[in-house]
Amino acid sequence: MKKYFLIVIIGLTTIACAGKKDKTSEIAGIDGKKLFKTNCVLCHGEDGKLGLNNSKDLSKSKLTMDERITMVTNGKNAMTGFGTLLSKDEIKAVAAYTFKLKE
């Protein structure tokens, strides 16, 4: 009986955790890291800390996902807005990827 109980618990745990993705996962199969490297590394650097052209240190950013999406879409100051260059899903993927740059 204990054996079957253990199998059921393991199965339920696997099912419960299988569908969960954190906010740093790919969005709609789009590679946010690749897009970041293509569009953002020049100023922010690979680790988000470069600060070229007065860009913010993304490893210290406290912006929410929605705020990051807005920033990537519209830009700010010297930062280019990517709303006309990237799709909404691509922007979400880049914004999600930036959470991986946190210290």
C-alpha atoms as a PDB file:
ATOM      1  CA  MET A   1       0.000   0.000   0.000  1.00  0.00           C
ATOM      2  CA  LYS A   2       2.835   2.405   0.850  1.00  0.00           C
ATOM      3  CA  LYS A   3       4.358   1.755  -2.567  1.00  0.00           C
ATOM      4  CA  TYR A   4       1.181   2.797  -4.381  1.00  0.00           C
ATOM      5  CA  PHE A   5       0.762   5.845  -2.155  1.00  0.00           C
ATOM      6  CA  LEU A   6       4.313   6.949  -2.948  1.00  0.00           C
ATOM      7  CA  ILE A   7       3.740   6.457  -6.688  1.00  0.00           C
ATOM      8  CA  VAL A   8       0.546   8.536  -6.546  1.00  0.00           C
ATOM      9  CA  ILE A   9       2.289  11.338  -4.606  1.00  0.00           C
ATOM     10  CA  ILE A  10       5.205  11.428  -7.056  1.00  0.00           C
ATOM     11  CA  GLY A  11       2.817  11.406 -10.018  1.00  0.00           C
ATOM     12  CA  LEU A  12       0.681  14.232  -8.629  1.00  0.00           C
ATOM     13  CA  THR A  13       3.762  16.297  -7.801  1.00  0.00           C
ATOM     14  CA  THR A  14       5.101  15.808 -11.321  1.00  0.00           C
ATOM     15  CA  ILE A  15       1.777  16.829 -12.865  1.00  0.00           C
ATOM     16  CA  ALA A  16       1.455  19.867 -10.593  1.00  0.00           C
ATOM     17  CA  CYS A  17       4.942  21.139 -11.406  1.00  0.00           C
ATOM     18  CA  ALA A  18       5.111  20.202 -15.089  1.00  0.00           C
ATOM     19  CA  GLY A  19       3.082  23.108 -16.437  1.00  0.00           C
ATOM     20  CA  LYS A  20       4.682  25.851 -14.366  1.00  0.00           C
ATOM     21  CA  LYS A  21       7.068  28.234 -16.036  1.00  0.00           C
ATOM     22  CA  ASP A  22       8.716  31.149 -14.345  1.00  0.00           C
ATOM     23  CA  LYS A  23       8.782  34.653 -15.763  1.00  0.00           C
ATOM     24  CA  THR A  24      12.220  34.047 -17.231  1.00  0.00           C
ATOM     25  CA  SER A  25      11.040  31.306 -19.576  1.00  0.00           C
ATOM     26  CA  GLU A  26      10.736  31.696 -23.289  1.00  0.00           C
ATOM     27  CA  ILE A  27       7.562  33.461 -24.382  1.00  0.00           C
ATOM     28  CA  ALA A  28       5.653  31.680 -27.153  1.00  0.00           C
ATOM     29  CA  GLY A  29       8.840  29.813 -28.088  1.00  0.00           C
ATOM     30  CA  ILE A  30      10.748  33.069 -28.684  1.00  0.00           C
ATOM     31  CA  ASP A  31      14.317  33.199 -27.392  1.00  0.00           C
ATOM     32  CA  GLY A  32      14.465  36.366 -25.287  1.00  0.00           C
ATOM     33  CA  LYS A  33      18.181  35.901 -24.622  1.00  0.00           C
ATOM     34  CA  LYS A  34      18.965  35.878 -28.339  1.00  0.00           C
ATOM     35  CA  LEU A  35      16.863  38.995 -28.900  1.00  0.00           C
ATOM     36  CA  PHE A  36      18.561  40.690 -25.944  1.00  0.00           C
ATOM     37  CA  LYS A  37      21.982  39.891 -27.399  1.00  0.00           C
ATOM     38  CA  THR A  38      20.918  41.237 -30.784  1.00  0.00           C
ATOM     39  CA  ASN A  39      19.262  44.453 -29.617  1.00  0.00           C
ATOM     40  CA  CYS A  40      20.344  45.350 -26.084  1.00  0.00           C
ATOM     41  CA  VAL A  41      23.894  44.147 -25.386  1.00  0.00           C
ATOM     42  CA  LEU A  42      25.540  47.133 -27.053  1.00  0.00           C
ATOM     43  CA  CYS A  43      24.412  49.467 -24.266  1.00  0.00           C
ATOM     44  CA  HIS A  44      23.437  47.135 -21.409  1.00  0.00           C
ATOM     45  CA  GLY A  45      26.168  44.503 -21.862  1.00  0.00           C
ATOM     46  CA  GLU A  46      25.793  40.724 -21.650  1.00  0.00           C
ATOM     47  CA  ASP A  47      25.260  40.869 -17.894  1.00  0.00           C
ATOM     48  CA  GLY A  48      23.049  43.992 -17.986  1.00  0.00           C
ATOM     49  CA  LYS A  49      25.644  46.101 -16.141  1.00  0.00           C
ATOM     50  CA  LEU A  50      27.555  47.886 -18.935  1.00  0.00           C
ATOM     51  CA  GLY A  51      25.863  51.274 -18.626  1.00  0.00           C
ATOM     52  CA  LEU A  52      26.893  52.601 -22.034  1.00  0.00           C
ATOM     53  CA  ASN A  53      25.021  55.753 -23.121  1.00  0.00           C
ATOM     54  CA  ASN A  54      23.796  56.105 -19.525  1.00  0.00           C
ATOM     55  CA  SER A  55      21.797  52.870 -19.759  1.00  0.00           C
ATOM     56  CA  LYS A  56      20.468  51.421 -16.509  1.00  0.00           C
ATOM     57  CA  ASP A  57      22.063  48.482 -14.712  1.00  0.00           C
ATOM     58  CA  LEU A  58      19.483  45.775 -15.375  1.00  0.00           C
ATOM     59  CA  SER A  59      20.887  43.545 -12.636  1.00  0.00           C
ATOM     60  CA  LYS A  60      19.600  46.101 -10.111  1.00  0.00           C
ATOM     61  CA  SER A  61      16.306  46.923 -11.804  1.00  0.00           C
ATOM     62  CA  LYS A  62      13.186  46.736  -9.659  1.00  0.00           C
ATOM     63  CA  LEU A  63      10.786  47.172 -12.562  1.00  0.00           C
ATOM     64  CA  THR A  64       7.864  44.767 -12.819  1.00  0.00           C
ATOM     65  CA  MET A  65       7.257  42.673 -15.919  1.00  0.00           C
ATOM     66  CA  ASP A  66       4.666  45.175 -17.172  1.00  0.00           C
ATOM     67  CA  GLU A  67       7.023  48.100 -16.566  1.00  0.00           C
ATOM     68  CA  ARG A  68       9.801  46.291 -18.439  1.00  0.00           C
ATOM     69  CA  ILE A  69       7.481  45.600 -21.362  1.00  0.00           C
ATOM     70  CA  THR A  70       6.549  49.296 -21.464  1.00  0.00           C
ATOM     71  CA  MET A  71      10.216  50.326 -21.326  1.00  0.00           C
ATOM     72  CA  VAL A  72      11.244  47.963 -24.140  1.00  0.00           C
ATOM     73  CA  THR A  73       8.234  48.993 -26.223  1.00  0.00           C
ATOM     74  CA  ASN A  74       8.509  52.768 -25.818  1.00  0.00           C
ATOM     75  CA  GLY A  75      12.118  53.346 -24.770  1.00  0.00           C
ATOM     76  CA  LYS A  76      13.179  56.222 -22.547  1.00  0.00           C
ATOM     77  CA  ASN A  77      15.703  59.028 -22.949  1.00  0.00           C
ATOM     78  CA  ALA A  78      18.473  57.665 -25.203  1.00  0.00           C
ATOM     79  CA  MET A  79      16.981  54.158 -25.278  1.00  0.00           C
ATOM     80  CA  THR A  80      15.289  53.207 -28.520  1.00  0.00           C
ATOM     81  CA  GLY A  81      11.729  51.960 -28.272  1.00  0.00           C
ATOM     82  CA  PHE A  82      11.330  48.579 -29.940  1.00  0.00           C
ATOM     83  CA  GLY A  83       7.543  48.703 -30.339  1.00  0.00           C
ATOM     84  CA  THR A  84       7.809  49.025 -34.111  1.00  0.00           C
ATOM     85  CA  LEU A  85      10.823  46.723 -34.457  1.00  0.00           C
ATOM     86  CA  LEU A  86       9.758  43.707 -32.402  1.00  0.00           C
ATOM     87  CA  SER A  87       6.446  41.890 -32.017  1.00  0.00           C
ATOM     88  CA  LYS A  88       4.593  41.993 -28.690  1.00  0.00           C
ATOM     89  CA  ASP A  89       5.681  38.426 -27.941  1.00  0.00           C
ATOM     90  CA  GLU A  90       9.307  39.260 -28.766  1.00  0.00           C
ATOM     91  CA  ILE A  91       9.150  42.250 -26.421  1.00  0.00           C
ATOM     92  CA  LYS A  92       7.675  40.058 -23.675  1.00  0.00           C
ATOM     93  CA  ALA A  93      10.458  37.515 -24.208  1.00  0.00           C
ATOM     94  CA  VAL A  94      13.168  40.185 -23.899  1.00  0.00           C
ATOM     95  CA  ALA A  95      11.509  41.665 -20.812  1.00  0.00           C
ATOM     96  CA  ALA A  96      11.243  38.203 -19.252  1.00  0.00           C
ATOM     97  CA  TYR A  97      14.885  37.468 -20.016  1.00  0.00           C
ATOM     98  CA  THR A  98      16.042  40.594 -18.186  1.00  0.00           C
ATOM     99  CA  PHE A  99      14.907  39.016 -14.902  1.00  0.00           C
ATOM    100  CA  LYS A 100      17.736  36.491 -15.360  1.00  0.00           C
ATOM    101  CA  LEU A 101      20.219  39.370 -15.117  1.00  0.00           C
ATOM    102  CA  LYS A 102      19.280  40.116 -11.506  1.00  0.00           C
ATOM    103  CA  GLU A 103      22.113  39.909  -8.960  1.00  0.00           C
END
